[in-house]
Structures are given as C-alpha cells and as structure tokens.
Amino acid sequence: MKTILITGASSGIGRATAELFLNNGWKVGILARRANVLEEMAGHYPAAVPLVADVTDMDAVQAAFSDFIDQAGRLDVLFNNAGIFTLGGTIDEIAVEDWYASVNVNLNGMFLCARSAFAAMRAQSPQGGRIINNGSIAAYVPRPGSAPYTATKHAITGLTRSLSLDGRPFDIACGQIDIGNAQTPMIEELNRKALAANPNAEPAQTMSVDDAASSVLHMASLPLSANVQFMTVMATKMPYIGRG
C-alpha cells in the first residue's frame, strides 16, 4: 500500500485530497490542528492515520512524521498543503502580526514538513519519495491586497526548486501544484468580503476542489523516474492570464 502524508488535511483542498487518496487505496496520514475533525475522518476511513500537530511547531511536526512512519512503514509522498490567507489590504494597512503569521504557516511550516519528509525519505529503504508543495497562482501573479500570501508563495517556488535539485542524489522528487480558485472555505470567504464591499461585484470564478485533488493524485502516482515540476490547475475563466 502506497503512503502519503497530507498537511492541512481537515478542510478544503487538503481534505478533498485525503479522501481521494483514501478512496484509491492509499495509507494516508491526515495532519492538522483539529483533533475532532481528524478523528471523524478516520472513523470513516480505516487507512487514515490522524496526526494532530501545528505545522509551525518543529517538535510536533517531527513527532507526527515519526508516528506516521511507525504505523505505515515508510513515507512515499508528502503533500505539503497547509496554509493561511490573512486579512487583505495595501502593505501599510496589513498588521505586522498577520505578516508574521503568514510567514510562519505558509513558509516556515512548509519548510519544517519538507525537512522531516526529506530526512525520512533519505533514510528509508528503498530510498526516495516525492514532495508536492502547494504553491498557488499567487506564486506567479498576486491578487490585489495580498502581500503576505504572495510573498510566501513566491518563496515556496524557491523551496520547490531547491528540494528538487538537492533531492536528486537520494531519489527524492519535488514538484509544485499551483491551484487557482478551487471552491474552498478560503475562496468562499474572499467572495463574501468582495460582495460585502460591492454588492454588484462579480463573484470569483471557481472550480471543484475535486479537480485540484485529482491533479495531486496524478502527480503522486508517477514513478520516481518522472516528475511534474510545476502544474497550474485553475478555474478556466478566472483572471489569471492577463491578471493585473
């Protein structure tokens, strides 16, 4: 049975991806902070391993990875997904605390999880595995008022490239999926705020979160001799090409 650990697995893209992998016969570590949600998910899926941890806590992350590997035997794939989107605004309107929170979750958290995964994949036999980072189309072009989110997602692209290069001697592949407007609570909240500010605003075009999940499954299912380095999957009519 192939194994994957998914961070931010309690909702949105993470949950949809976890459920898809479970339905396709994978052993899935579901990592998030909300124990009750993870236990509820595990109650429906015997192959789900709930891992309660905050991705910004190094000790908690290392313990969660060790727990999963003890139960699953090895780690084939990490879907490095956990992230937040803080209150928007121009840079002078953004609270410094929101900047720190964005960097801590979106960048530091992804670094800590990739670090634990890389170490496990390097040490296991047979050696190797795959890390899939959840970037965003914001890794290339920002939406207005999103300096913290955009900056951290640009940084994830650098992390992806470095991991892809450094993983080669150990058969560790790393790729990045850049998702645009999957129908998640985060996008629903952005739509709500946009309509509150302007009742005549057009809601953001969205796609099913299941389409994002199936793209992750494709990336994860490739042999280690092949790698999707970067994939963009997005709502067809959203303003990405030509945005700004």
Protein backbone atom coordinates (compact mmCIF):
# COMPACT_ATOMS: atom_id res chain seq x y z
CA MET A 1 0.00 0.00 0.00
CA LYS A 2 1.46 3.38 -1.01
CA THR A 3 1.63 6.05 1.65
CA ILE A 4 1.14 9.81 1.74
CA LEU A 5 1.10 12.40 4.49
CA ILE A 6 -1.12 15.42 3.85
CA THR A 7 -0.89 18.62 5.90
CA GLY A 8 -3.86 20.92 6.32
CA ALA A 9 -5.99 17.81 5.86
CA SER A 10 -9.03 18.83 7.90
CA SER A 11 -10.70 21.04 5.28
CA GLY A 12 -10.60 22.43 1.76
CA ILE A 13 -8.04 21.09 -0.71
CA GLY A 14 -6.31 19.01 1.97
CA ARG A 15 -9.45 17.14 2.99
CA ALA A 16 -10.63 16.57 -0.57
CA THR A 17 -7.18 15.24 -1.49
CA ALA A 18 -7.01 12.97 1.56
CA GLU A 19 -10.41 11.47 0.78
CA LEU A 20 -9.48 10.88 -2.86
CA PHE A 21 -6.26 9.09 -1.93
CA LEU A 22 -8.07 7.00 0.68
CA ASN A 23 -10.68 6.02 -1.90
CA ASN A 24 -7.84 4.96 -4.19
CA GLY A 25 -6.28 2.58 -1.69
CA TRP A 26 -3.50 4.70 -0.15
CA LYS A 27 -2.48 4.82 3.51
CA VAL A 28 -2.96 8.48 4.38
CA GLY A 29 -1.57 10.50 7.27
CA ILE A 30 -4.01 13.36 7.85
CA LEU A 31 -2.26 16.17 9.70
CA ALA A 32 -3.99 19.25 11.10
CA ARG A 33 -4.63 21.01 14.41
CA ARG A 34 -8.28 19.98 14.92
CA ALA A 35 -8.29 16.56 16.56
CA ASN A 36 -12.08 16.18 16.45
CA VAL A 37 -12.21 16.65 12.67
CA LEU A 38 -9.33 14.24 12.09
CA GLU A 39 -10.93 11.60 14.33
CA GLU A 40 -14.21 11.99 12.46
CA MET A 41 -12.41 11.45 9.14
CA ALA A 42 -10.52 8.45 10.48
CA GLY A 43 -13.80 6.96 11.64
CA HIS A 44 -14.89 6.70 8.00
CA TYR A 45 -11.57 5.50 6.62
CA PRO A 46 -9.59 2.70 8.33
CA ALA A 47 -6.48 3.62 6.27
CA ALA A 48 -6.45 7.19 7.61
CA VAL A 49 -3.95 8.00 10.36
CA PRO A 50 -4.89 11.15 12.32
CA LEU A 51 -1.89 13.31 13.21
CA VAL A 52 -2.64 16.28 15.42
CA ALA A 53 0.07 18.92 15.01
CA ASP A 54 0.70 22.57 14.30
CA VAL A 55 3.00 22.81 11.27
CA THR A 56 4.84 25.75 12.86
CA ASP A 57 5.93 23.58 15.83
CA MET A 58 9.12 21.71 14.90
CA ASP A 59 8.85 19.13 17.67
CA ALA A 60 5.18 18.41 16.89
CA VAL A 61 5.94 18.04 13.18
CA GLN A 62 8.81 15.62 13.79
CA ALA A 63 6.69 13.59 16.19
CA ALA A 64 3.81 13.41 13.71
CA PHE A 65 6.06 12.20 10.89
CA SER A 66 7.65 9.60 13.15
CA ASP A 67 4.22 8.41 14.30
CA PHE A 68 3.01 8.02 10.73
CA ILE A 69 6.11 6.17 9.56
CA ASP A 70 5.90 3.85 12.58
CA GLN A 71 2.35 2.95 11.55
CA ALA A 72 2.71 3.00 7.76
CA GLY A 73 6.23 1.59 7.41
CA ARG A 74 7.53 4.30 5.06
CA LEU A 75 6.66 7.67 3.54
CA ASP A 76 6.19 7.68 -0.23
CA VAL A 77 4.71 11.16 -0.67
CA LEU A 78 4.25 14.39 1.27
CA PHE A 79 1.54 16.79 0.10
CA ASN A 80 2.79 19.96 1.77
CA ASN A 81 -0.53 21.79 1.76
CA ALA A 82 -1.21 23.70 5.00
CA GLY A 83 -1.53 27.46 4.52
CA ILE A 84 -3.45 30.57 5.52
CA PHE A 85 -4.69 33.77 3.86
CA THR A 86 -4.75 36.72 6.24
CA LEU A 87 -6.75 39.95 6.00
CA GLY A 88 -6.09 41.79 2.76
CA GLY A 89 -5.01 45.37 2.21
CA THR A 90 -2.16 47.51 1.00
CA ILE A 91 1.10 46.94 2.82
CA ASP A 92 0.61 49.91 5.16
CA GLU A 93 -2.80 48.52 6.18
CA ILE A 94 -1.61 44.98 6.87
CA ALA A 95 -0.99 44.17 10.52
CA VAL A 96 2.59 43.12 11.20
CA GLU A 97 1.18 40.20 13.20
CA ASP A 98 -0.57 38.96 10.02
CA TRP A 99 2.72 39.12 8.14
CA TYR A 100 4.43 37.05 10.82
CA ALA A 101 1.54 34.56 10.87
CA SER A 102 1.64 34.14 7.09
CA VAL A 103 5.39 33.58 7.04
CA ASN A 104 5.18 31.19 9.98
CA VAL A 105 2.49 28.93 8.48
CA ASN A 106 2.96 29.30 4.74
CA LEU A 107 6.75 29.26 4.66
CA ASN A 108 8.19 28.05 7.97
CA GLY A 109 5.53 25.34 8.25
CA MET A 110 6.20 24.07 4.75
CA PHE A 111 9.95 24.12 5.41
CA LEU A 112 9.58 22.08 8.61
CA CYS A 113 7.32 19.48 6.97
CA ALA A 114 9.55 19.20 3.90
CA ARG A 115 12.56 18.84 6.18
CA SER A 116 11.00 15.95 8.08
CA ALA A 117 9.84 14.28 4.87
CA PHE A 118 13.22 14.67 3.18
CA ALA A 119 15.02 13.14 6.15
CA ALA A 120 12.63 10.19 6.26
CA MET A 121 12.82 9.57 2.51
CA ARG A 122 16.61 9.78 2.54
CA ALA A 123 16.90 7.28 5.42
CA GLN A 124 14.32 4.68 4.36
CA SER A 125 14.93 1.60 2.24
CA PRO A 126 14.33 1.63 -0.63
CA GLN A 127 15.47 5.23 -0.56
CA GLY A 128 13.41 8.04 -2.07
CA GLY A 129 9.98 9.57 -2.27
CA ARG A 130 8.13 12.62 -3.51
CA ILE A 131 7.32 16.03 -2.02
CA ILE A 132 4.48 18.02 -3.58
CA ASN A 133 4.28 21.63 -2.41
CA ASN A 134 1.02 23.51 -2.68
CA GLY A 135 2.09 26.80 -4.22
CA SER A 136 -0.67 28.94 -5.71
CA ILE A 137 -1.11 31.02 -8.81
CA ALA A 138 -0.07 33.77 -6.37
CA ALA A 139 3.41 32.28 -6.70
CA TYR A 140 3.44 33.98 -10.11
CA VAL A 141 0.88 36.81 -10.07
CA PRO A 142 -0.77 38.38 -6.99
CA ARG A 143 -4.37 39.17 -6.34
CA PRO A 144 -4.79 42.74 -5.01
CA GLY A 145 -4.03 43.33 -1.34
CA SER A 146 -2.20 40.08 -0.71
CA ALA A 147 1.44 40.95 0.01
CA PRO A 148 1.98 38.37 2.82
CA TYR A 149 0.35 35.48 0.96
CA THR A 150 2.01 36.35 -2.34
CA ALA A 151 5.46 36.76 -0.83
CA THR A 152 5.28 33.41 0.95
CA LYS A 153 4.03 31.62 -2.14
CA HIS A 154 6.83 33.07 -4.25
CA ALA A 155 9.19 31.71 -1.59
CA ILE A 156 7.63 28.25 -1.91
CA THR A 157 8.67 28.19 -5.57
CA GLY A 158 12.28 28.71 -4.47
CA LEU A 159 11.91 25.97 -1.88
CA THR A 160 10.49 23.62 -4.51
CA ARG A 161 13.38 24.25 -6.88
CA SER A 162 15.96 23.72 -4.14
CA LEU A 163 14.36 20.50 -2.94
CA SER A 164 14.08 19.21 -6.49
CA LEU A 165 17.78 19.82 -7.04
CA ASP A 166 19.01 18.60 -3.65
CA GLY A 167 16.81 15.50 -3.75
CA ARG A 168 18.26 14.06 -6.93
CA PRO A 169 21.06 12.02 -5.31
CA PHE A 170 18.51 10.39 -2.98
CA ASP A 171 15.68 9.70 -5.48
CA ILE A 172 13.56 12.38 -3.83
CA ALA A 173 11.43 14.19 -6.41
CA CYS A 174 9.81 17.53 -5.64
CA GLY A 175 7.13 19.34 -7.60
CA GLN A 176 4.69 22.18 -7.05
CA ILE A 177 0.99 22.45 -7.78
CA ASP A 178 -0.35 25.96 -8.27
CA ILE A 179 -4.09 25.99 -7.72
CA GLY A 180 -6.38 28.84 -8.71
CA ASN A 181 -9.81 29.31 -7.13
CA ALA A 182 -10.75 25.82 -6.05
CA GLN A 183 -14.07 26.08 -4.22
CA THR A 184 -12.82 26.07 -0.64
CA PRO A 185 -13.83 27.98 2.52
CA MET A 186 -10.98 30.43 1.82
CA ILE A 187 -12.35 31.34 -1.63
CA GLU A 188 -15.91 31.48 -0.29
CA GLU A 189 -14.76 33.96 2.36
CA LEU A 190 -12.97 36.10 -0.24
CA ASN A 191 -16.14 36.15 -2.33
CA ARG A 192 -18.21 37.10 0.71
CA LYS A 193 -15.93 40.02 1.52
CA ALA A 194 -15.89 41.21 -2.08
CA LEU A 195 -19.69 41.20 -2.25
CA ALA A 196 -19.94 42.95 1.13
CA ALA A 197 -17.69 45.73 -0.16
CA ASN A 198 -19.50 45.93 -3.51
CA PRO A 199 -22.87 44.18 -3.90
CA ASN A 200 -22.51 44.49 -7.68
CA ALA A 201 -19.16 42.71 -7.77
CA GLU A 202 -18.85 39.57 -9.85
CA PRO A 203 -18.14 36.54 -7.65
CA ALA A 204 -14.81 34.87 -8.39
CA GLN A 205 -14.95 32.06 -10.92
CA THR A 206 -14.25 28.76 -9.18
CA MET A 207 -13.67 25.10 -9.95
CA SER A 208 -14.43 21.99 -7.95
CA VAL A 209 -11.95 21.18 -5.22
CA ASP A 210 -12.08 17.60 -6.51
CA ASP A 211 -10.32 18.72 -9.70
CA ALA A 212 -7.42 20.03 -7.63
CA ALA A 213 -7.30 16.78 -5.66
CA SER A 214 -7.23 14.64 -8.80
CA SER A 215 -4.28 16.69 -10.07
CA VAL A 216 -2.35 15.93 -6.88
CA LEU A 217 -3.18 12.23 -7.30
CA HIS A 218 -1.74 12.30 -10.81
CA MET A 219 1.49 13.92 -9.61
CA ALA A 220 1.81 11.48 -6.71
CA SER A 221 1.14 8.39 -8.82
CA LEU A 222 4.04 8.90 -11.22
CA PRO A 223 7.12 6.67 -10.88
CA LEU A 224 10.11 8.43 -9.34
CA SER A 225 11.73 8.43 -12.78
CA ALA A 226 9.17 11.10 -13.79
CA ASN A 227 8.20 14.34 -12.11
CA VAL A 228 5.68 17.11 -12.66
CA GLN A 229 7.92 20.02 -11.73
CA PHE A 230 5.16 22.65 -11.85
CA MET A 231 1.46 22.25 -12.57
CA THR A 232 -1.13 25.01 -12.76
CA VAL A 233 -4.76 23.94 -12.38
CA MET A 234 -7.37 26.69 -12.14
CA ALA A 235 -10.89 27.80 -12.83
CA THR A 236 -10.93 28.27 -16.61
CA LYS A 237 -12.45 31.75 -16.61
CA MET A 238 -10.72 33.24 -13.61
CA PRO A 239 -8.48 36.29 -14.18
CA TYR A 240 -5.05 34.68 -14.16
CA ILE A 241 -3.83 35.07 -17.73
CA GLY A 242 -3.83 38.83 -18.07
CA ARG A 243 -4.37 39.45 -14.36
CA GLY A 244 -3.11 42.86 -13.37
